[in-house]
Amino acid sequence: MSSREDRDGGNDAAADRTAAATGASAVRAEDLVPRDATSGEATSGDATPEDATPEPGAARSGPPQAGHDPLEHGAADGGLGESGTAGDGATADTAPAGPVAGRRTAAGKGAGPAGAGDAERGERIAKWLARAGVASRRDAEALVAEGKVRLNNRPVRHPATFVQPGDTVLVAGRPVDAPDRTRLWRYHKPDGLVTTHKDPQDRPTVFRSLPPGLPRVVSVGRLDLNSEGLLLLTNDGELARRLELPSNGWVRRYRVRIFGAVDEKRLASLADGVTVDGVRYGPIEAGLDSRKGDNAWLTVALREGRNREIRRVMMSLGFHVSRLIRTSYGPFQLGTLKRTELEEVPGKVLRDQIPRA
């Protein structure tokens, strides 16, 4: 299957969610919310995020709401293969999906705003829609504000409205399936793919390269057009946001090929952080692996994943980055995944590795 860069090596991602058809047409995120990437964010290989966590004001920005633990929604074993789990150490775009069916299992409540301390009433509508893969939580709140969401055939007028098991949710008149159990995949993105489901320039995308039958997924962070390597995909938008947060302390590790004379002392100085064009970047570990003529391979590790961080920092040192490959994201490794190959992380590994809310 395929990959893109995270905001330092980053790109932005999404995929299919399968569900039974009910005769109504499927809810598709691109039909509802014009996202960052769909509006032309990736206009060229050098103009897109590398290893990107969301900027303030972007979809999925900010910490997830308290009380949501994606793993309590049923991450289970199984999938397309065994995931790499060792290691040392990013909004996301939803991909086109198949038909999405509404479900009912019990009598639902009305669509009014929730009162304080009413956790037993269910899950907030925006979080529910994010976990269902319709949109990020922030974009789901925008859908509510635009009057496009109905709960049990009543308009939802407040983002604090709760959804209970069995409630029927419609977005733009189309039924939305209840969120599936939380799942996570490792994907080897090749260069030449943008991490978005709808590219204004109609370039090949990560999500078109994914195998049929996948649920709708979102990317954890981004890999840009010219970046390669590990891209995590999940069907849970809340989980994706949690895994992108710098507060997790997860290390993102890269192999970077540069052109230029390497000064190892200057590379070592990056451990203290660096300011480039007025932007302060946190500590970066950068070490020389090999050198041949004017080309060298580095191993670079960082925790923040700011927009095009590696490329910008290397450029400030006089290096041109000719190749950037993400090899790990937190405890998850690229391992032996071949280009465009996809493997699901087993449920037990997911429960063991993902920090609890």
Protein backbone atom coordinates (compact mmCIF):
# COMPACT_ATOMS: atom_id res chain seq x y z
CA MET A 1 0.00 0.00 0.00
CA SER A 2 1.59 3.60 0.43
CA SER A 3 2.87 6.69 2.72
CA ARG A 4 3.61 10.60 3.43
CA GLU A 5 5.61 12.85 5.89
CA ASP A 6 4.37 13.90 9.43
CA ARG A 7 4.92 17.58 9.89
CA ASP A 8 8.56 17.24 9.76
CA GLY A 9 8.57 14.55 7.38
CA GLY A 10 4.82 14.77 6.99
CA ASN A 11 1.71 14.47 4.87
CA ASP A 12 -1.96 14.04 5.65
CA ALA A 13 -4.10 10.89 5.33
CA ALA A 14 -7.54 9.07 5.13
CA ALA A 15 -9.32 5.86 3.87
CA ASP A 16 -12.52 3.80 3.47
CA ARG A 17 -15.07 2.80 6.11
CA THR A 18 -17.17 -0.19 5.12
CA ALA A 19 -20.74 -0.63 6.42
CA ALA A 20 -24.00 -2.12 5.26
CA ALA A 21 -25.97 -0.04 2.80
CA THR A 22 -29.49 0.96 3.70
CA GLY A 23 -30.62 2.43 0.45
CA ALA A 24 -29.51 5.92 1.53
CA SER A 25 -26.27 7.21 0.01
CA ALA A 26 -23.17 7.17 2.18
CA VAL A 27 -21.91 10.06 4.26
CA ARG A 28 -18.59 11.13 2.76
CA ALA A 29 -16.38 13.61 4.56
CA GLU A 30 -15.38 15.35 1.35
CA ASP A 31 -19.06 16.07 0.65
CA LEU A 32 -19.43 17.79 4.02
CA VAL A 33 -16.36 19.62 5.23
CA PRO A 34 -13.72 21.41 3.14
CA ARG A 35 -10.58 20.32 4.99
CA ASP A 36 -7.15 21.81 5.00
CA ALA A 37 -5.83 19.28 2.54
CA THR A 38 -8.83 19.36 0.29
CA SER A 39 -8.54 23.11 -0.10
CA GLY A 40 -5.13 22.99 -1.65
CA GLU A 41 -2.77 22.61 1.30
CA ALA A 42 -0.60 20.20 -0.68
CA THR A 43 0.18 22.27 -3.72
CA SER A 44 3.66 20.93 -4.31
CA GLY A 45 6.03 18.43 -2.84
CA ASP A 46 8.03 21.11 -1.09
CA ALA A 47 5.02 23.08 0.09
CA THR A 48 3.37 20.40 2.18
CA PRO A 49 3.87 19.42 5.82
CA GLU A 50 6.42 16.74 6.57
CA ASP A 51 5.84 15.48 10.09
CA ALA A 52 2.83 17.53 10.97
CA THR A 53 0.71 17.74 14.03
CA PRO A 54 -2.19 20.15 13.54
CA GLU A 55 -1.54 23.88 13.77
CA PRO A 56 -3.75 25.93 16.09
CA GLY A 57 -7.10 26.41 14.42
CA ALA A 58 -6.70 23.37 12.20
CA ALA A 59 -9.00 20.38 12.37
CA ARG A 60 -8.27 18.07 15.32
CA SER A 61 -6.23 20.74 17.10
CA GLY A 62 -6.15 20.80 20.88
CA PRO A 63 -6.29 17.98 23.40
CA PRO A 64 -9.01 15.38 23.19
CA GLN A 65 -11.96 15.82 25.49
CA ALA A 66 -11.66 14.22 28.88
CA GLY A 67 -13.46 10.97 29.42
CA HIS A 68 -12.88 9.47 25.98
CA ASP A 69 -10.68 6.39 25.97
CA PRO A 70 -10.73 4.91 22.45
CA LEU A 71 -9.54 1.56 23.77
CA GLU A 72 -12.64 1.26 25.91
CA HIS A 73 -14.62 1.13 22.69
CA GLY A 74 -13.41 -2.34 21.89
CA ALA A 75 -9.95 -2.55 20.30
CA ALA A 76 -9.65 -6.25 19.56
CA ASP A 77 -7.13 -8.65 18.11
CA GLY A 78 -7.14 -9.42 14.45
CA GLY A 79 -6.35 -7.66 11.21
CA LEU A 80 -4.18 -7.89 8.15
CA GLY A 81 -0.96 -8.98 9.81
CA GLU A 82 1.35 -8.59 12.77
CA SER A 83 2.53 -5.11 13.70
CA GLY A 84 6.00 -4.06 14.74
CA THR A 85 5.80 -2.94 18.35
CA ALA A 86 9.29 -2.32 19.63
CA GLY A 87 10.83 1.06 19.28
CA ASP A 88 11.97 4.24 20.92
CA GLY A 89 10.53 6.41 19.78
CA ALA A 90 0.93 13.33 14.78
CA THR A 91 -6.62 16.98 11.35
CA ALA A 92 -6.48 13.98 9.70
CA ASP A 93 -8.48 13.61 6.57
CA THR A 94 -11.24 11.08 6.30
CA ALA A 95 -11.16 8.91 3.22
CA PRO A 96 -14.02 8.06 0.92
CA ALA A 97 -16.12 5.23 2.30
CA GLY A 98 -18.64 2.71 1.15
CA PRO A 99 -22.33 3.01 2.09
CA VAL A 100 -22.86 3.98 5.72
CA ALA A 101 -25.94 2.60 7.44
CA GLY A 102 -27.80 3.96 10.47
CA ARG A 103 -28.14 1.67 13.48
CA ARG A 104 -30.63 1.48 16.31
CA THR A 105 -30.33 -0.69 19.40
CA ALA A 106 -32.37 1.16 22.01
CA ALA A 107 -34.70 4.06 22.45
CA GLY A 108 -32.79 7.32 21.97
CA LYS A 109 -33.06 10.61 23.77
CA GLY A 110 -33.85 13.96 22.26
CA ALA A 111 -31.44 16.32 20.60
CA GLY A 112 -31.16 19.03 23.21
CA PRO A 113 -27.91 20.19 24.85
CA ALA A 114 -26.61 18.19 27.77
CA GLY A 115 -26.46 19.38 31.33
CA ALA A 116 -23.38 19.28 33.56
CA GLY A 117 -22.51 15.94 35.09
CA ASP A 118 -24.64 13.98 32.64
CA ALA A 119 -22.00 11.51 31.43
CA GLU A 120 -24.52 8.66 31.60
CA ARG A 121 -26.47 10.25 28.77
CA GLY A 122 -23.93 8.97 26.24
CA GLU A 123 -21.22 10.51 24.08
CA ARG A 124 -21.07 14.06 22.74
CA ILE A 125 -22.23 14.25 19.15
CA ALA A 126 -19.00 15.76 17.78
CA LYS A 127 -16.86 13.07 19.41
CA TRP A 128 -19.26 10.39 18.20
CA LEU A 129 -19.03 11.68 14.61
CA ALA A 130 -15.23 11.86 14.85
CA ARG A 131 -15.03 8.24 16.01
CA ALA A 132 -17.43 7.27 13.23
CA GLY A 133 -14.96 8.77 10.74
CA VAL A 134 -17.30 11.43 9.37
CA ALA A 135 -15.07 14.39 10.25
CA SER A 136 -12.72 15.68 12.90
CA ARG A 137 -14.38 16.78 16.11
CA ARG A 138 -13.92 20.44 15.23
CA ASP A 139 -15.38 19.93 11.77
CA ALA A 140 -18.23 17.93 13.27
CA GLU A 141 -19.02 20.91 15.50
CA ALA A 142 -19.10 23.05 12.35
CA LEU A 143 -21.56 20.62 10.78
CA VAL A 144 -23.78 21.01 13.85
CA ALA A 145 -23.56 24.80 13.61
CA GLU A 146 -24.55 24.61 9.94
CA GLY A 147 -27.67 22.59 10.82
CA LYS A 148 -26.55 19.49 8.92
CA VAL A 149 -26.85 17.03 11.82
CA ARG A 150 -30.04 15.38 13.06
CA LEU A 151 -30.45 13.04 16.03
CA ASN A 152 -33.51 10.79 16.06
CA ASN A 153 -34.96 12.96 13.29
CA ARG A 154 -34.60 16.14 15.31
CA PRO A 155 -32.12 18.89 14.41
CA VAL A 156 -29.04 19.07 16.64
CA ARG A 157 -28.52 22.67 17.68
CA HIS A 158 -25.75 22.33 20.25
CA PRO A 159 -22.39 20.46 20.12
CA ALA A 160 -22.91 19.26 23.71
CA THR A 161 -25.80 17.06 22.59
CA PHE A 162 -25.30 13.43 23.62
CA VAL A 163 -25.73 10.28 21.54
CA GLN A 164 -26.77 7.03 23.16
CA PRO A 165 -26.51 3.49 21.80
CA GLY A 166 -29.39 2.97 19.38
CA ASP A 167 -29.82 6.62 18.45
CA THR A 168 -30.14 7.41 14.76
CA VAL A 169 -27.79 10.10 13.47
CA LEU A 170 -28.11 11.77 10.07
CA VAL A 171 -25.56 14.09 8.47
CA ALA A 172 -26.74 16.07 5.46
CA GLY A 173 -29.74 13.74 5.32
CA ARG A 174 -27.67 10.56 5.23
CA PRO A 175 -27.55 7.94 8.02
CA VAL A 176 -24.26 7.43 9.82
CA ASP A 177 -23.21 4.07 11.19
CA ALA A 178 -22.25 3.84 14.85
CA PRO A 179 -18.49 3.93 15.47
CA ASP A 180 -16.71 0.62 15.05
CA ARG A 181 -14.16 -0.78 17.52
CA THR A 182 -10.91 1.18 17.55
CA ARG A 183 -8.33 -0.12 15.10
CA LEU A 184 -4.84 1.00 14.03
CA TRP A 185 -2.73 0.13 10.98
CA ARG A 186 0.92 0.61 10.02
CA TYR A 187 1.35 1.69 6.42
CA HIS A 188 4.50 2.15 4.33
CA LYS A 189 3.92 5.30 2.31
CA PRO A 190 6.05 5.66 -0.81
CA ASP A 191 7.01 9.04 -2.17
CA GLY A 192 4.77 10.50 -4.85
CA LEU A 193 1.51 10.18 -2.88
CA VAL A 194 -0.23 13.01 -1.04
CA THR A 195 -1.82 12.23 2.30
CA THR A 196 -5.30 13.47 1.52
CA HIS A 197 -8.46 11.97 0.10
CA LYS A 198 -9.19 14.81 -2.32
CA ASP A 199 -6.33 16.60 -3.98
CA PRO A 200 -7.10 19.82 -5.93
CA GLN A 201 -4.42 18.88 -8.47
CA ASP A 202 -5.77 15.34 -8.81
CA ARG A 203 -2.44 13.78 -7.83
CA PRO A 204 -2.26 10.17 -6.58
CA THR A 205 -3.23 9.93 -2.90
CA VAL A 206 -2.49 7.58 -0.04
CA PHE A 207 -6.12 6.70 0.36
CA ARG A 208 -6.70 5.69 -3.23
CA SER A 209 -3.83 3.26 -2.83
CA LEU A 210 -5.34 1.42 0.13
CA PRO A 211 -6.92 -2.00 -0.38
CA PRO A 212 -10.70 -2.29 -0.79
CA GLY A 213 -12.70 -3.35 2.23
CA LEU A 214 -10.99 -1.12 4.78
CA PRO A 215 -13.18 1.00 7.05
CA ARG A 216 -12.91 4.75 6.71
CA VAL A 217 -9.64 5.77 8.33
CA VAL A 218 -7.75 8.93 9.25
CA SER A 219 -4.02 9.51 9.43
CA VAL A 220 -2.00 10.09 12.56
CA GLY A 221 0.07 13.08 11.51
CA ARG A 222 1.17 13.61 7.93
CA LEU A 223 3.84 12.71 5.43
CA ASP A 224 4.27 15.03 2.48
CA LEU A 225 4.46 14.22 -1.21
CA ASN A 226 8.19 13.53 -1.26
CA SER A 227 8.45 11.81 2.13
CA GLU A 228 8.31 8.08 2.74
CA GLY A 229 7.97 5.57 5.52
CA LEU A 230 5.70 4.81 8.42
CA LEU A 231 2.24 6.34 8.44
CA LEU A 232 -0.24 5.27 11.11
CA LEU A 233 -3.90 5.00 10.11
CA THR A 234 -6.88 4.57 12.42
CA ASN A 235 -10.66 4.46 12.18
CA ASP A 236 -10.95 6.59 15.36
CA GLY A 237 -10.49 10.34 14.93
CA GLU A 238 -10.20 10.90 18.68
CA LEU A 239 -7.37 8.37 18.92
CA ALA A 240 -5.60 10.01 15.98
CA ARG A 241 -5.63 13.37 17.74
CA ARG A 242 -4.34 11.87 20.98
CA LEU A 243 -1.42 10.18 19.23
CA GLU A 244 -0.43 13.46 17.54
CA LEU A 245 -0.05 15.41 20.77
CA PRO A 246 3.56 16.36 21.65
CA SER A 247 2.62 15.84 25.31
CA ASN A 248 2.78 12.08 24.65
CA GLY A 249 6.55 12.47 24.43
CA TRP A 250 6.63 10.00 21.55
CA VAL A 251 9.78 10.11 19.43
CA ARG A 252 9.41 10.21 15.65
CA ARG A 253 12.55 8.82 14.03
CA TYR A 254 13.76 9.35 10.45
CA ARG A 255 16.48 8.37 8.04
CA VAL A 256 17.49 11.52 6.16
CA ARG A 257 19.73 11.80 3.11
CA ILE A 258 21.32 15.21 2.71
CA PHE A 259 23.60 16.90 0.22
CA GLY A 260 26.35 19.06 1.68
CA ALA A 261 29.46 19.01 3.86
CA VAL A 262 28.49 17.61 7.28
CA ASP A 263 29.70 19.34 10.43
CA GLU A 264 28.98 16.86 13.22
CA LYS A 265 29.38 19.51 15.93
CA ARG A 266 26.63 21.60 14.34
CA LEU A 267 24.42 18.51 14.15
CA ALA A 268 25.05 17.81 17.83
CA SER A 269 24.09 21.41 18.71
CA LEU A 270 20.53 20.70 17.54
CA ALA A 271 20.02 18.83 20.82
CA ASP A 272 19.62 22.26 22.45
CA GLY A 273 16.93 23.31 19.99
CA VAL A 274 17.26 25.86 17.21
CA THR A 275 15.48 28.95 15.89
CA VAL A 276 14.89 29.17 12.13
CA ASP A 277 13.19 32.18 10.53
CA GLY A 278 11.76 33.20 13.88
CA VAL A 279 10.37 29.75 14.69
CA ARG A 280 11.79 27.99 17.74
CA TYR A 281 12.17 24.22 17.36
CA GLY A 282 12.68 21.91 20.31
CA PRO A 283 15.56 19.48 20.83
CA ILE A 284 16.46 17.37 17.80
CA GLU A 285 18.79 14.39 17.89
CA ALA A 286 20.77 14.17 14.65
CA GLY A 287 23.67 11.81 14.03
CA LEU A 288 25.79 10.93 11.01
CA ASP A 289 25.35 7.34 9.82
CA SER A 290 27.39 7.30 6.62
CA ARG A 291 28.95 9.61 4.07
CA LYS A 292 29.85 9.22 0.40
CA GLY A 293 31.17 12.25 -1.41
CA ASP A 294 28.83 15.15 -0.82
CA ASN A 295 25.93 12.90 0.20
CA ALA A 296 25.35 11.68 3.73
CA TRP A 297 22.74 9.67 5.63
CA LEU A 298 21.61 10.92 9.03
CA THR A 299 19.36 9.51 11.73
CA VAL A 300 17.10 12.26 13.08
CA ALA A 301 14.75 12.01 16.05
CA LEU A 302 12.30 14.60 17.35
CA ARG A 303 9.20 14.85 19.51
CA GLU A 304 7.33 17.90 18.26
CA GLY A 305 6.86 17.28 14.54
CA ARG A 306 6.38 20.92 13.56
CA ASN A 307 5.52 21.88 9.99
CA ARG A 308 8.42 20.80 7.70
CA GLU A 309 10.70 20.84 10.70
CA ILE A 310 13.47 18.56 9.44
CA ARG A 311 13.72 20.15 6.01
CA ARG A 312 13.77 23.67 7.40
CA VAL A 313 16.33 22.92 10.08
CA MET A 314 18.61 21.11 7.66
CA MET A 315 18.32 23.94 5.16
CA SER A 316 19.40 26.36 7.91
CA LEU A 317 22.58 24.28 8.28
CA GLY A 318 23.23 24.46 4.55
CA PHE A 319 21.98 20.95 3.71
CA HIS A 320 19.51 19.97 1.02
CA VAL A 321 17.28 17.05 2.01
CA SER A 322 17.01 14.68 -0.94
CA ARG A 323 15.24 11.84 0.86
CA LEU A 324 13.29 11.54 4.11
CA ILE A 325 12.00 8.24 5.50
CA ARG A 326 10.12 7.89 8.77
CA THR A 327 11.17 4.67 10.47
CA SER A 328 9.20 4.88 13.71
CA TYR A 329 6.43 6.78 15.46
CA GLY A 330 6.51 6.20 19.20
CA PRO A 331 6.51 2.44 19.83
CA PHE A 332 5.45 1.59 16.28
CA GLN A 333 8.10 0.68 13.71
CA LEU A 334 8.23 0.64 9.93
CA GLY A 335 10.06 -2.65 10.25
CA THR A 336 10.05 -4.82 7.15
CA LEU A 337 6.90 -3.38 5.61
CA LYS A 338 7.33 -3.06 1.87
CA ARG A 339 6.30 0.08 -0.01
CA THR A 340 2.50 0.44 -0.04
CA GLU A 341 2.15 -2.48 2.38
CA LEU A 342 -0.40 -2.24 5.20
CA GLU A 343 -0.62 -4.24 8.44
CA GLU A 344 -3.07 -3.95 11.31
CA VAL A 345 -1.73 -3.58 14.83
CA PRO A 346 -3.11 -6.45 16.93
CA GLY A 347 -5.64 -5.39 19.54
CA LYS A 348 -3.52 -6.55 22.48
CA VAL A 349 -0.54 -4.53 21.23
CA LEU A 350 -2.79 -1.52 20.75
CA ARG A 351 -4.08 -1.75 24.32
CA ASP A 352 -0.57 -2.18 25.69
CA GLN A 353 1.06 0.64 23.75
CA ILE A 354 -1.52 3.42 23.59
CA PRO A 355 -1.48 5.83 26.57
CA ARG A 356 -4.73 5.93 28.48
CA ALA A 357 -6.71 9.15 28.52
